[in-house]
Amino acid sequence: MYCLCFFITYHLWFNQTVEYHNIVRLQYGLSVLEIDDQLMNEAIEHSMWMAENETLQHANIRHGAENIAVANVSPQSVVQMWMNSDGHRRNILNSRYTKIGCAVYKSRSGRYYWCARFR
């Protein structure tokens, strides 16, 4: 069971991850992504599922895109990791996407599972 301090940290990291996505997009002349409650819930559920199952696996996304990672890094660092990967970078810099949801959860073994959803 997680204590309240973990949930506060997670919430802060969710928002920081969105912020760093938008900093990058502005650097490339793109509009900022708006936080979408449905995408946030989907990202939360998927990152929790990956952490509970200790597996890095994409969900079946019908519309939009998803970036995932397992890394014990800061929100800024995970966005930089994704920018260094062609496929993840395409998702972040896709001008068709206007909405985002981000989450990260720590597994029992101490690994952080990240998820960003775009639409």
PDB file of N, CA and C in Angstrom:
ATOM      1  N   MET A   1       0.840  -1.180   0.000  1.00  0.00           N
ATOM      2  CA  MET A   1       0.000   0.000   0.000  1.00  0.00           C
ATOM      3  C   MET A   1       0.885   1.243   0.000  1.00  0.00           C
ATOM      4  N   TYR A   2       0.505   2.235  -0.793  1.00  0.00           N
ATOM      5  CA  TYR A   2       1.269   3.465  -0.905  1.00  0.00           C
ATOM      6  C   TYR A   2       0.779   4.484   0.118  1.00  0.00           C
ATOM      7  N   CYS A   3       1.715   5.276   0.642  1.00  0.00           N
ATOM      8  CA  CYS A   3       1.314   6.346   1.547  1.00  0.00           C
ATOM      9  C   CYS A   3       0.962   7.586   0.724  1.00  0.00           C
ATOM     10  N   LEU A   4       0.370   8.567   1.361  1.00  0.00           N
ATOM     11  CA  LEU A   4      -0.065   9.782   0.693  1.00  0.00           C
ATOM     12  C   LEU A   4       1.103  10.493   0.017  1.00  0.00           C
ATOM     13  N   CYS A   5       2.301  10.424   0.610  1.00  0.00           N
ATOM     14  CA  CYS A   5       3.449  11.121   0.028  1.00  0.00           C
ATOM     15  C   CYS A   5       3.766  10.597  -1.366  1.00  0.00           C
ATOM     16  N   PHE A   6       3.561   9.299  -1.614  1.00  0.00           N
ATOM     17  CA  PHE A   6       3.793   8.758  -2.944  1.00  0.00           C
ATOM     18  C   PHE A   6       2.799   9.340  -3.936  1.00  0.00           C
ATOM     19  N   PHE A   7       1.537   9.458  -3.555  1.00  0.00           N
ATOM     20  CA  PHE A   7       0.530   9.993  -4.468  1.00  0.00           C
ATOM     21  C   PHE A   7       0.786  11.463  -4.782  1.00  0.00           C
ATOM     22  N   ILE A   8       1.244  12.237  -3.798  1.00  0.00           N
ATOM     23  CA  ILE A   8       1.578  13.640  -4.040  1.00  0.00           C
ATOM     24  C   ILE A   8       2.753  13.733  -4.996  1.00  0.00           C
ATOM     25  N   THR A   9       3.775  12.906  -4.777  1.00  0.00           N
ATOM     26  CA  THR A   9       4.934  12.886  -5.673  1.00  0.00           C
ATOM     27  C   THR A   9       4.521  12.486  -7.075  1.00  0.00           C
ATOM     28  N   TYR A  10       3.704  11.453  -7.198  1.00  0.00           N
ATOM     29  CA  TYR A  10       3.254  11.013  -8.513  1.00  0.00           C
ATOM     30  C   TYR A  10       2.504  12.127  -9.230  1.00  0.00           C
ATOM     31  N   HIS A  11       1.580  12.780  -8.534  1.00  0.00           N
ATOM     32  CA  HIS A  11       0.796  13.849  -9.147  1.00  0.00           C
ATOM     33  C   HIS A  11       1.728  14.957  -9.648  1.00  0.00           C
ATOM     34  N   LEU A  12       2.713  15.320  -8.848  1.00  0.00           N
ATOM     35  CA  LEU A  12       3.678  16.335  -9.250  1.00  0.00           C
ATOM     36  C   LEU A  12       4.440  15.881 -10.485  1.00  0.00           C
ATOM     37  N   TRP A  13       4.880  14.617 -10.505  1.00  0.00           N
ATOM     38  CA  TRP A  13       5.624  14.092 -11.654  1.00  0.00           C
ATOM     39  C   TRP A  13       4.748  14.029 -12.895  1.00  0.00           C
ATOM     40  N   PHE A  14       3.463  13.685 -12.757  1.00  0.00           N
ATOM     41  CA  PHE A  14       2.555  13.672 -13.911  1.00  0.00           C
ATOM     42  C   PHE A  14       2.572  15.054 -14.574  1.00  0.00           C
ATOM     43  N   ASN A  15       2.364  16.082 -13.756  1.00  0.00           N
ATOM     44  CA  ASN A  15       2.284  17.448 -14.281  1.00  0.00           C
ATOM     45  C   ASN A  15       3.623  17.925 -14.833  1.00  0.00           C
ATOM     46  N   GLN A  16       4.719  17.569 -14.182  1.00  0.00           N
ATOM     47  CA  GLN A  16       6.035  17.959 -14.687  1.00  0.00           C
ATOM     48  C   GLN A  16       6.320  17.293 -16.037  1.00  0.00           C
ATOM     49  N   THR A  17       5.885  16.065 -16.199  1.00  0.00           N
ATOM     50  CA  THR A  17       6.093  15.369 -17.469  1.00  0.00           C
ATOM     51  C   THR A  17       5.336  16.073 -18.591  1.00  0.00           C
ATOM     52  N   VAL A  18       4.116  16.479 -18.332  1.00  0.00           N
ATOM     53  CA  VAL A  18       3.350  17.253 -19.312  1.00  0.00           C
ATOM     54  C   VAL A  18       4.078  18.559 -19.614  1.00  0.00           C
ATOM     55  N   GLU A  19       4.545  19.233 -18.574  1.00  0.00           N
ATOM     56  CA  GLU A  19       5.245  20.508 -18.745  1.00  0.00           C
ATOM     57  C   GLU A  19       6.471  20.350 -19.649  1.00  0.00           C
ATOM     58  N   TYR A  20       7.262  19.302 -19.444  1.00  0.00           N
ATOM     59  CA  TYR A  20       8.460  19.113 -20.262  1.00  0.00           C
ATOM     60  C   TYR A  20       8.111  18.761 -21.708  1.00  0.00           C
ATOM     61  N   HIS A  21       7.020  18.015 -21.911  1.00  0.00           N
ATOM     62  CA  HIS A  21       6.557  17.779 -23.283  1.00  0.00           C
ATOM     63  C   HIS A  21       6.266  19.121 -23.960  1.00  0.00           C
ATOM     64  N   ASN A  22       5.589  20.003 -23.243  1.00  0.00           N
ATOM     65  CA  ASN A  22       5.205  21.283 -23.830  1.00  0.00           C
ATOM     66  C   ASN A  22       6.397  22.208 -24.048  1.00  0.00           C
ATOM     67  N   ILE A  23       7.382  22.157 -23.189  1.00  0.00           N
ATOM     68  CA  ILE A  23       8.601  22.946 -23.396  1.00  0.00           C
ATOM     69  C   ILE A  23       9.264  22.525 -24.700  1.00  0.00           C
ATOM     70  N   VAL A  24       9.356  21.210 -24.916  1.00  0.00           N
ATOM     71  CA  VAL A  24       9.962  20.698 -26.147  1.00  0.00           C
ATOM     72  C   VAL A  24       9.138  21.121 -27.360  1.00  0.00           C
ATOM     73  N   ARG A  25       7.830  20.966 -27.268  1.00  0.00           N
ATOM     74  CA  ARG A  25       6.978  21.312 -28.417  1.00  0.00           C
ATOM     75  C   ARG A  25       7.103  22.798 -28.758  1.00  0.00           C
ATOM     76  N   LEU A  26       7.157  23.666 -27.765  1.00  0.00           N
ATOM     77  CA  LEU A  26       7.312  25.095 -28.024  1.00  0.00           C
ATOM     78  C   LEU A  26       8.646  25.396 -28.703  1.00  0.00           C
ATOM     79  N   GLN A  27       9.687  24.664 -28.331  1.00  0.00           N
ATOM     80  CA  GLN A  27      10.996  24.843 -28.964  1.00  0.00           C
ATOM     81  C   GLN A  27      10.950  24.518 -30.454  1.00  0.00           C
ATOM     82  N   TYR A  28      10.015  23.672 -30.853  1.00  0.00           N
ATOM     83  CA  TYR A  28       9.859  23.290 -32.255  1.00  0.00           C
ATOM     84  C   TYR A  28       8.714  24.044 -32.933  1.00  0.00           C
ATOM     85  N   GLY A  29       8.202  25.066 -32.287  1.00  0.00           N
ATOM     86  CA  GLY A  29       7.159  25.892 -32.876  1.00  0.00           C
ATOM     87  C   GLY A  29       5.787  25.254 -32.897  1.00  0.00           C
ATOM     88  N   LEU A  30       5.576  24.254 -32.052  1.00  0.00           N
ATOM     89  CA  LEU A  30       4.289  23.563 -31.992  1.00  0.00           C
ATOM     90  C   LEU A  30       3.446  24.078 -30.835  1.00  0.00           C
ATOM     91  N   SER A  31       2.145  23.866 -30.929  1.00  0.00           N
ATOM     92  CA  SER A  31       1.244  24.264 -29.844  1.00  0.00           C
ATOM     93  C   SER A  31       1.437  23.341 -28.645  1.00  0.00           C
ATOM     94  N   VAL A  32       1.075  23.847 -27.488  1.00  0.00           N
ATOM     95  CA  VAL A  32       1.170  23.035 -26.279  1.00  0.00           C
ATOM     96  C   VAL A  32       0.049  22.004 -26.263  1.00  0.00           C
ATOM     97  N   LEU A  33       0.303  20.916 -25.560  1.00  0.00           N
ATOM     98  CA  LEU A  33      -0.691  19.859 -25.382  1.00  0.00           C
ATOM     99  C   LEU A  33      -1.507  20.162 -24.135  1.00  0.00           C
ATOM    100  N   GLU A  34      -2.804  19.983 -24.224  1.00  0.00           N
ATOM    101  CA  GLU A  34      -3.691  20.174 -23.075  1.00  0.00           C
ATOM    102  C   GLU A  34      -3.846  18.859 -22.338  1.00  0.00           C
ATOM    103  N   ILE A  35      -3.872  18.935 -21.018  1.00  0.00           N
ATOM    104  CA  ILE A  35      -4.113  17.736 -20.212  1.00  0.00           C
ATOM    105  C   ILE A  35      -5.553  17.289 -20.441  1.00  0.00           C
ATOM    106  N   ASP A  36      -5.700  16.019 -20.736  1.00  0.00           N
ATOM    107  CA  ASP A  36      -7.004  15.422 -20.981  1.00  0.00           C
ATOM    108  C   ASP A  36      -7.262  14.397 -19.874  1.00  0.00           C
ATOM    109  N   ASP A  37      -8.365  14.541 -19.165  1.00  0.00           N
ATOM    110  CA  ASP A  37      -8.670  13.654 -18.039  1.00  0.00           C
ATOM    111  C   ASP A  37      -8.725  12.187 -18.442  1.00  0.00           C
ATOM    112  N   GLN A  38      -9.337  11.902 -19.589  1.00  0.00           N
ATOM    113  CA  GLN A  38      -9.430  10.509 -20.026  1.00  0.00           C
ATOM    114  C   GLN A  38      -8.036   9.950 -20.307  1.00  0.00           C
ATOM    115  N   LEU A  39      -7.192  10.721 -20.997  1.00  0.00           N
ATOM    116  CA  LEU A  39      -5.834  10.264 -21.285  1.00  0.00           C
ATOM    117  C   LEU A  39      -5.014  10.119 -20.007  1.00  0.00           C
ATOM    118  N   MET A  40      -5.232  11.032 -19.052  1.00  0.00           N
ATOM    119  CA  MET A  40      -4.539  10.904 -17.762  1.00  0.00           C
ATOM    120  C   MET A  40      -4.935   9.599 -17.078  1.00  0.00           C
ATOM    121  N   ASN A  41      -6.223   9.301 -17.049  1.00  0.00           N
ATOM    122  CA  ASN A  41      -6.689   8.061 -16.424  1.00  0.00           C
ATOM    123  C   ASN A  41      -6.133   6.834 -17.133  1.00  0.00           C
ATOM    124  N   GLU A  42      -6.116   6.873 -18.466  1.00  0.00           N
ATOM    125  CA  GLU A  42      -5.565   5.753 -19.222  1.00  0.00           C
ATOM    126  C   GLU A  42      -4.072   5.570 -18.924  1.00  0.00           C
ATOM    127  N   ALA A  43      -3.328   6.671 -18.878  1.00  0.00           N
ATOM    128  CA  ALA A  43      -1.888   6.596 -18.587  1.00  0.00           C
ATOM    129  C   ALA A  43      -1.648   6.085 -17.170  1.00  0.00           C
ATOM    130  N   ILE A  44      -2.454   6.550 -16.227  1.00  0.00           N
ATOM    131  CA  ILE A  44      -2.340   6.086 -14.842  1.00  0.00           C
ATOM    132  C   ILE A  44      -2.592   4.584 -14.766  1.00  0.00           C
ATOM    133  N   GLU A  45      -3.694   4.146 -15.363  1.00  0.00           N
ATOM    134  CA  GLU A  45      -4.026   2.721 -15.332  1.00  0.00           C
ATOM    135  C   GLU A  45      -2.938   1.872 -15.973  1.00  0.00           C
ATOM    136  N   HIS A  46      -2.413   2.346 -17.115  1.00  0.00           N
ATOM    137  CA  HIS A  46      -1.418   1.538 -17.813  1.00  0.00           C
ATOM    138  C   HIS A  46      -0.078   1.523 -17.075  1.00  0.00           C
ATOM    139  N   SER A  47       0.358   2.658 -16.553  1.00  0.00           N
ATOM    140  CA  SER A  47       1.629   2.657 -15.828  1.00  0.00           C
ATOM    141  C   SER A  47       1.512   1.844 -14.541  1.00  0.00           C
ATOM    142  N   MET A  48       0.358   1.889 -13.879  1.00  0.00           N
ATOM    143  CA  MET A  48       0.149   1.056 -12.691  1.00  0.00           C
ATOM    144  C   MET A  48       0.166  -0.424 -13.070  1.00  0.00           C
ATOM    145  N   TRP A  49      -0.480  -0.768 -14.184  1.00  0.00           N
ATOM    146  CA  TRP A  49      -0.501  -2.158 -14.630  1.00  0.00           C
ATOM    147  C   TRP A  49       0.914  -2.643 -14.938  1.00  0.00           C
ATOM    148  N   MET A  50       1.690  -1.820 -15.643  1.00  0.00           N
ATOM    149  CA  MET A  50       3.068  -2.218 -15.961  1.00  0.00           C
ATOM    150  C   MET A  50       3.886  -2.393 -14.691  1.00  0.00           C
ATOM    151  N   ALA A  51       3.723  -1.474 -13.729  1.00  0.00           N
ATOM    152  CA  ALA A  51       4.473  -1.567 -12.468  1.00  0.00           C
ATOM    153  C   ALA A  51       4.064  -2.809 -11.678  1.00  0.00           C
ATOM    154  N   GLU A  52       2.775  -3.086 -11.603  1.00  0.00           N
ATOM    155  CA  GLU A  52       2.298  -4.260 -10.866  1.00  0.00           C
ATOM    156  C   GLU A  52       2.769  -5.557 -11.507  1.00  0.00           C
ATOM    157  N   ASN A  53       2.865  -5.577 -12.833  1.00  0.00           N
ATOM    158  CA  ASN A  53       3.262  -6.782 -13.563  1.00  0.00           C
ATOM    159  C   ASN A  53       4.747  -6.801 -13.923  1.00  0.00           C
ATOM    160  N   GLU A  54       5.446  -5.721 -13.572  1.00  0.00           N
ATOM    161  CA  GLU A  54       6.883  -5.604 -13.849  1.00  0.00           C
ATOM    162  C   GLU A  54       7.182  -5.915 -15.315  1.00  0.00           C
ATOM    163  N   THR A  55       6.409  -5.287 -16.213  1.00  0.00           N
ATOM    164  CA  THR A  55       6.606  -5.509 -17.642  1.00  0.00           C
ATOM    165  C   THR A  55       6.408  -4.215 -18.405  1.00  0.00           C
ATOM    166  N   LEU A  56       7.212  -4.024 -19.419  1.00  0.00           N
ATOM    167  CA  LEU A  56       7.082  -2.871 -20.296  1.00  0.00           C
ATOM    168  C   LEU A  56       6.360  -3.331 -21.553  1.00  0.00           C
ATOM    169  N   GLN A  57       5.115  -2.899 -21.697  1.00  0.00           N
ATOM    170  CA  GLN A  57       4.290  -3.376 -22.807  1.00  0.00           C
ATOM    171  C   GLN A  57       3.327  -2.283 -23.239  1.00  0.00           C
ATOM    172  N   HIS A  58       3.274  -2.044 -24.545  1.00  0.00           N
ATOM    173  CA  HIS A  58       2.314  -1.067 -25.067  1.00  0.00           C
ATOM    174  C   HIS A  58       0.898  -1.594 -24.941  1.00  0.00           C
ATOM    175  N   ALA A  59      -0.020  -0.665 -24.700  1.00  0.00           N
ATOM    176  CA  ALA A  59      -1.444  -0.997 -24.695  1.00  0.00           C
ATOM    177  C   ALA A  59      -1.941  -0.953 -26.139  1.00  0.00           C
ATOM    178  N   ASN A  60      -3.115  -1.485 -26.353  1.00  0.00           N
ATOM    179  CA  ASN A  60      -3.741  -1.442 -27.673  1.00  0.00           C
ATOM    180  C   ASN A  60      -4.411  -0.078 -27.827  1.00  0.00           C
ATOM    181  N   ILE A  61      -3.765   0.797 -28.575  1.00  0.00           N
ATOM    182  CA  ILE A  61      -4.255   2.160 -28.770  1.00  0.00           C
ATOM    183  C   ILE A  61      -4.966   2.244 -30.117  1.00  0.00           C
ATOM    184  N   ARG A  62      -6.236   2.642 -30.107  1.00  0.00           N
ATOM    185  CA  ARG A  62      -6.994   2.770 -31.357  1.00  0.00           C
ATOM    186  C   ARG A  62      -6.767   4.121 -32.009  1.00  0.00           C
ATOM    187  N   HIS A  63      -6.770   5.172 -31.203  1.00  0.00           N
ATOM    188  CA  HIS A  63      -6.597   6.531 -31.711  1.00  0.00           C
ATOM    189  C   HIS A  63      -5.507   7.201 -30.899  1.00  0.00           C
ATOM    190  N   GLY A  64      -4.599   7.861 -31.580  1.00  0.00           N
ATOM    191  CA  GLY A  64      -3.531   8.548 -30.889  1.00  0.00           C
ATOM    192  C   GLY A  64      -2.280   7.698 -30.805  1.00  0.00           C
ATOM    193  N   ALA A  65      -1.482   7.953 -29.778  1.00  0.00           N
ATOM    194  CA  ALA A  65      -0.203   7.264 -29.633  1.00  0.00           C
ATOM    195  C   ALA A  65       0.155   7.138 -28.158  1.00  0.00           C
ATOM    196  N   GLU A  66       1.190   6.341 -27.914  1.00  0.00           N
ATOM    197  CA  GLU A  66       1.621   6.093 -26.544  1.00  0.00           C
ATOM    198  C   GLU A  66       3.145   5.971 -26.512  1.00  0.00           C
ATOM    199  N   ASN A  67       3.764   6.634 -25.560  1.00  0.00           N
ATOM    200  CA  ASN A  67       5.180   6.433 -25.256  1.00  0.00           C
ATOM    201  C   ASN A  67       5.257   5.770 -23.883  1.00  0.00           C
ATOM    202  N   ILE A  68       6.091   4.745 -23.758  1.00  0.00           N
ATOM    203  CA  ILE A  68       6.293   4.085 -22.473  1.00  0.00           C
ATOM    204  C   ILE A  68       7.785   3.933 -22.231  1.00  0.00           C
ATOM    205  N   ALA A  69       8.130   3.774 -20.961  1.00  0.00           N
ATOM    206  CA  ALA A  69       9.531   3.564 -20.586  1.00  0.00           C
ATOM    207  C   ALA A  69       9.585   2.954 -19.203  1.00  0.00           C
ATOM    208  N   VAL A  70      10.671   2.255 -18.946  1.00  0.00           N
ATOM    209  CA  VAL A  70      10.984   1.830 -17.586  1.00  0.00           C
ATOM    210  C   VAL A  70      12.348   2.425 -17.293  1.00  0.00           C
ATOM    211  N   ALA A  71      12.368   3.390 -16.379  1.00  0.00           N
ATOM    212  CA  ALA A  71      13.607   4.107 -16.083  1.00  0.00           C
ATOM    213  C   ALA A  71      13.462   4.851 -14.765  1.00  0.00           C
ATOM    214  N   ASN A  72      14.490   4.782 -13.955  1.00  0.00           N
ATOM    215  CA  ASN A  72      14.508   5.505 -12.686  1.00  0.00           C
ATOM    216  C   ASN A  72      15.139   6.870 -12.927  1.00  0.00           C
ATOM    217  N   VAL A  73      14.358   7.741 -13.566  1.00  0.00           N
ATOM    218  CA  VAL A  73      14.819   9.073 -13.943  1.00  0.00           C
ATOM    219  C   VAL A  73      13.746  10.094 -13.594  1.00  0.00           C
ATOM    220  N   SER A  74      14.087  11.362 -13.756  1.00  0.00           N
ATOM    221  CA  SER A  74      13.150  12.456 -13.508  1.00  0.00           C
ATOM    222  C   SER A  74      12.215  12.626 -14.700  1.00  0.00           C
ATOM    223  N   PRO A  75      11.119  13.376 -14.520  1.00  0.00           N
ATOM    224  CA  PRO A  75      10.232  13.653 -15.658  1.00  0.00           C
ATOM    225  C   PRO A  75      10.977  14.297 -16.834  1.00  0.00           C
ATOM    226  N   GLN A  76      11.846  15.241 -16.560  1.00  0.00           N
ATOM    227  CA  GLN A  76      12.608  15.890 -17.628  1.00  0.00           C
ATOM    228  C   GLN A  76      13.479  14.874 -18.368  1.00  0.00           C
ATOM    229  N   SER A  77      14.090  13.966 -17.622  1.00  0.00           N
ATOM    230  CA  SER A  77      14.973  12.971 -18.242  1.00  0.00           C
ATOM    231  C   SER A  77      14.210  11.965 -19.091  1.00  0.00           C
ATOM    232  N   VAL A  78      13.009  11.567 -18.658  1.00  0.00           N
ATOM    233  CA  VAL A  78      12.261  10.601 -19.465  1.00  0.00           C
ATOM    234  C   VAL A  78      11.824  11.240 -20.777  1.00  0.00           C
ATOM    235  N   VAL A  79      11.440  12.512 -20.747  1.00  0.00           N
ATOM    236  CA  VAL A  79      11.074  13.196 -21.993  1.00  0.00           C
ATOM    237  C   VAL A  79      12.307  13.293 -22.894  1.00  0.00           C
ATOM    238  N   GLN A  80      13.476  13.568 -22.326  1.00  0.00           N
ATOM    239  CA  GLN A  80      14.697  13.623 -23.125  1.00  0.00           C
ATOM    240  C   GLN A  80      15.025  12.248 -23.711  1.00  0.00           C
ATOM    241  N   MET A  81      14.818  11.194 -22.932  1.00  0.00           N
ATOM    242  CA  MET A  81      15.029   9.836 -23.450  1.00  0.00           C
ATOM    243  C   MET A  81      14.136   9.591 -24.659  1.00  0.00           C
ATOM    244  N   TRP A  82      12.866   9.971 -24.540  1.00  0.00           N
ATOM    245  CA  TRP A  82      11.933   9.782 -25.643  1.00  0.00           C
ATOM    246  C   TRP A  82      12.326  10.623 -26.851  1.00  0.00           C
ATOM    247  N   MET A  83      12.839  11.825 -26.619  1.00  0.00           N
ATOM    248  CA  MET A  83      13.271  12.670 -27.739  1.00  0.00           C
ATOM    249  C   MET A  83      14.475  12.070 -28.461  1.00  0.00           C
ATOM    250  N   ASN A  84      15.242  11.236 -27.785  1.00  0.00           N
ATOM    251  CA  ASN A  84      16.401  10.589 -28.390  1.00  0.00           C
ATOM    252  C   ASN A  84      16.033   9.315 -29.152  1.00  0.00           C
ATOM    253  N   SER A  85      14.758   8.985 -29.194  1.00  0.00           N
ATOM    254  CA  SER A  85      14.259   7.799 -29.889  1.00  0.00           C
ATOM    255  C   SER A  85      13.323   8.259 -31.013  1.00  0.00           C
ATOM    256  N   ASP A  86      13.616   7.849 -32.237  1.00  0.00           N
ATOM    257  CA  ASP A  86      12.855   8.348 -33.391  1.00  0.00           C
ATOM    258  C   ASP A  86      11.341   8.187 -33.254  1.00  0.00           C
ATOM    259  N   GLY A  87      10.870   7.007 -32.890  1.00  0.00           N
ATOM    260  CA  GLY A  87       9.429   6.775 -32.784  1.00  0.00           C
ATOM    261  C   GLY A  87       8.780   7.596 -31.687  1.00  0.00           C
ATOM    262  N   HIS A  88       9.411   7.644 -30.538  1.00  0.00           N
ATOM    263  CA  HIS A  88       8.872   8.434 -29.424  1.00  0.00           C
ATOM    264  C   HIS A  88       8.887   9.922 -29.766  1.00  0.00           C
ATOM    265  N   ARG A  89       9.967  10.346 -30.398  1.00  0.00           N
ATOM    266  CA  ARG A  89      10.107  11.747 -30.803  1.00  0.00           C
ATOM    267  C   ARG A  89       8.979  12.139 -31.764  1.00  0.00           C
ATOM    268  N   ARG A  90       8.661  11.263 -32.724  1.00  0.00           N
ATOM    269  CA  ARG A  90       7.563  11.545 -33.663  1.00  0.00           C
ATOM    270  C   ARG A  90       6.249  11.766 -32.916  1.00  0.00           C
ATOM    271  N   ASN A  91       6.014  10.967 -31.884  1.00  0.00           N
ATOM    272  CA  ASN A  91       4.782  11.138 -31.107  1.00  0.00           C
ATOM    273  C   ASN A  91       4.767  12.496 -30.406  1.00  0.00           C
ATOM    274  N   ILE A  92       5.860  12.868 -29.784  1.00  0.00           N
ATOM    275  CA  ILE A  92       5.923  14.133 -29.046  1.00  0.00           C
ATOM    276  C   ILE A  92       5.763  15.324 -29.984  1.00  0.00           C
ATOM    277  N   LEU A  93       6.359  15.245 -31.169  1.00  0.00           N
ATOM    278  CA  LEU A  93       6.364  16.378 -32.100  1.00  0.00           C
ATOM    279  C   LEU A  93       5.272  16.298 -33.161  1.00  0.00           C
ATOM    280  N   ASN A  94       4.305  15.406 -32.999  1.00  0.00           N
ATOM    281  CA  ASN A  94       3.218  15.273 -33.965  1.00  0.00           C
ATOM    282  C   ASN A  94       2.255  16.451 -33.786  1.00  0.00           C
ATOM    283  N   SER A  95       2.170  17.283 -34.801  1.00  0.00           N
ATOM    284  CA  SER A  95       1.341  18.492 -34.702  1.00  0.00           C
ATOM    285  C   SER A  95      -0.158  18.190 -34.668  1.00  0.00           C
ATOM    286  N   ARG A  96      -0.559  16.979 -35.050  1.00  0.00           N
ATOM    287  CA  ARG A  96      -1.985  16.606 -34.993  1.00  0.00           C
ATOM    288  C   ARG A  96      -2.451  16.386 -33.568  1.00  0.00           C
ATOM    289  N   TYR A  97      -1.532  16.064 -32.667  1.00  0.00           N
ATOM    290  CA  TYR A  97      -1.927  15.803 -31.285  1.00  0.00           C
ATOM    291  C   TYR A  97      -2.097  17.112 -30.526  1.00  0.00           C
ATOM    292  N   THR A  98      -3.204  17.195 -29.791  1.00  0.00           N
ATOM    293  CA  THR A  98      -3.504  18.398 -29.016  1.00  0.00           C
ATOM    294  C   THR A  98      -3.726  18.090 -27.537  1.00  0.00           C
ATOM    295  N   LYS A  99      -3.834  16.812 -27.206  1.00  0.00           N
ATOM    296  CA  LYS A  99      -4.139  16.377 -25.830  1.00  0.00           C
ATOM    297  C   LYS A  99      -3.071  15.409 -25.341  1.00  0.00           C
ATOM    298  N   ILE A 100      -2.888  15.367 -24.022  1.00  0.00           N
ATOM    299  CA  ILE A 100      -1.892  14.484 -23.421  1.00  0.00           C
ATOM    300  C   ILE A 100      -2.369  14.009 -22.060  1.00  0.00           C
ATOM    301  N   GLY A 101      -1.875  12.852 -21.670  1.00  0.00           N
ATOM    302  CA  GLY A 101      -2.029  12.318 -20.321  1.00  0.00           C
ATOM    303  C   GLY A 101      -0.743  11.591 -19.975  1.00  0.00           C
ATOM    304  N   CYS A 102      -0.208  11.797 -18.781  1.00  0.00           N
ATOM    305  CA  CYS A 102       1.068  11.193 -18.382  1.00  0.00           C
ATOM    306  C   CYS A 102       0.963  10.594 -16.985  1.00  0.00           C
ATOM    307  N   ALA A 103       1.736   9.530 -16.765  1.00  0.00           N
ATOM    308  CA  ALA A 103       1.774   8.913 -15.441  1.00  0.00           C
ATOM    309  C   ALA A 103       3.068   8.132 -15.266  1.00  0.00           C
ATOM    310  N   VAL A 104       3.389   7.881 -14.009  1.00  0.00           N
ATOM    311  CA  VAL A 104       4.534   7.045 -13.647  1.00  0.00           C
ATOM    312  C   VAL A 104       4.218   6.374 -12.321  1.00  0.00           C
ATOM    313  N   TYR A 105       4.592   5.104 -12.209  1.00  0.00           N
ATOM    314  CA  TYR A 105       4.439   4.383 -10.946  1.00  0.00           C
ATOM    315  C   TYR A 105       5.653   3.504 -10.707  1.00  0.00           C
ATOM    316  N   LYS A 106       5.948   3.325  -9.435  1.00  0.00           N
ATOM    317  CA  LYS A 106       7.100   2.535  -9.004  1.00  0.00           C
ATOM    318  C   LYS A 106       6.656   1.111  -8.698  1.00  0.00           C
ATOM    319  N   SER A 107       7.400   0.149  -9.236  1.00  0.00           N
ATOM    320  CA  SER A 107       7.095  -1.264  -8.986  1.00  0.00           C
ATOM    321  C   SER A 107       7.641  -1.686  -7.624  1.00  0.00           C
ATOM    322  N   ARG A 108       7.271  -2.877  -7.204  1.00  0.00           N
ATOM    323  CA  ARG A 108       7.777  -3.408  -5.929  1.00  0.00           C
ATOM    324  C   ARG A 108       9.298  -3.527  -5.921  1.00  0.00           C
ATOM    325  N   SER A 109       9.872  -3.758  -7.099  1.00  0.00           N
ATOM    326  CA  SER A 109      11.333  -3.890  -7.187  1.00  0.00           C
ATOM    327  C   SER A 109      12.039  -2.535  -7.296  1.00  0.00           C
ATOM    328  N   GLY A 110      11.265  -1.455  -7.321  1.00  0.00           N
ATOM    329  CA  GLY A 110      11.850  -0.123  -7.329  1.00  0.00           C
ATOM    330  C   GLY A 110      12.051   0.496  -8.696  1.00  0.00           C
ATOM    331  N   ARG A 111      11.496  -0.118  -9.736  1.00  0.00           N
ATOM    332  CA  ARG A 111      11.616   0.424 -11.084  1.00  0.00           C
ATOM    333  C   ARG A 111      10.426   1.321 -11.389  1.00  0.00           C
ATOM    334  N   TYR A 112      10.672   2.422 -12.099  1.00  0.00           N
ATOM    335  CA  TYR A 112       9.618   3.368 -12.454  1.00  0.00           C
ATOM    336  C   TYR A 112       9.128   3.098 -13.874  1.00  0.00           C
ATOM    337  N   TYR A 113       7.807   2.943 -13.997  1.00  0.00           N
ATOM    338  CA  TYR A 113       7.163   2.675 -15.282  1.00  0.00           C
ATOM    339  C   TYR A 113       6.400   3.923 -15.715  1.00  0.00           C
ATOM    340  N   TRP A 114       6.776   4.459 -16.865  1.00  0.00           N
ATOM    341  CA  TRP A 114       6.249   5.705 -17.398  1.00  0.00           C
ATOM    342  C   TRP A 114       5.294   5.438 -18.565  1.00  0.00           C
ATOM    343  N   CYS A 115       4.289   6.287 -18.680  1.00  0.00           N
ATOM    344  CA  CYS A 115       3.364   6.203 -19.803  1.00  0.00           C
ATOM    345  C   CYS A 115       2.906   7.623 -20.175  1.00  0.00           C
ATOM    346  N   ALA A 116       2.966   7.932 -21.457  1.00  0.00           N
ATOM    347  CA  ALA A 116       2.408   9.184 -21.978  1.00  0.00           C
ATOM    348  C   ALA A 116       1.478   8.810 -23.118  1.00  0.00           C
ATOM    349  N   ARG A 117       0.269   9.355 -23.079  1.00  0.00           N
ATOM    350  CA  ARG A 117      -0.723   9.106 -24.129  1.00  0.00           C
ATOM    351  C   ARG A 117      -1.012  10.418 -24.846  1.00  0.00           C
ATOM    352  N   PHE A 118      -1.148  10.331 -26.155  1.00  0.00           N
ATOM    353  CA  PHE A 118      -1.409  11.501 -27.000  1.00  0.00           C
ATOM    354  C   PHE A 118      -2.650  11.277 -27.837  1.00  0.00           C
ATOM    355  N   ARG A 119      -3.375  12.355 -28.058  1.00  0.00           N
ATOM    356  CA  ARG A 119      -4.519  12.316 -28.971  1.00  0.00           C
ATOM    357  C   ARG A 119      -4.705  13.703 -29.552  1.00  0.00           C
TER     358      ARG A 119
END
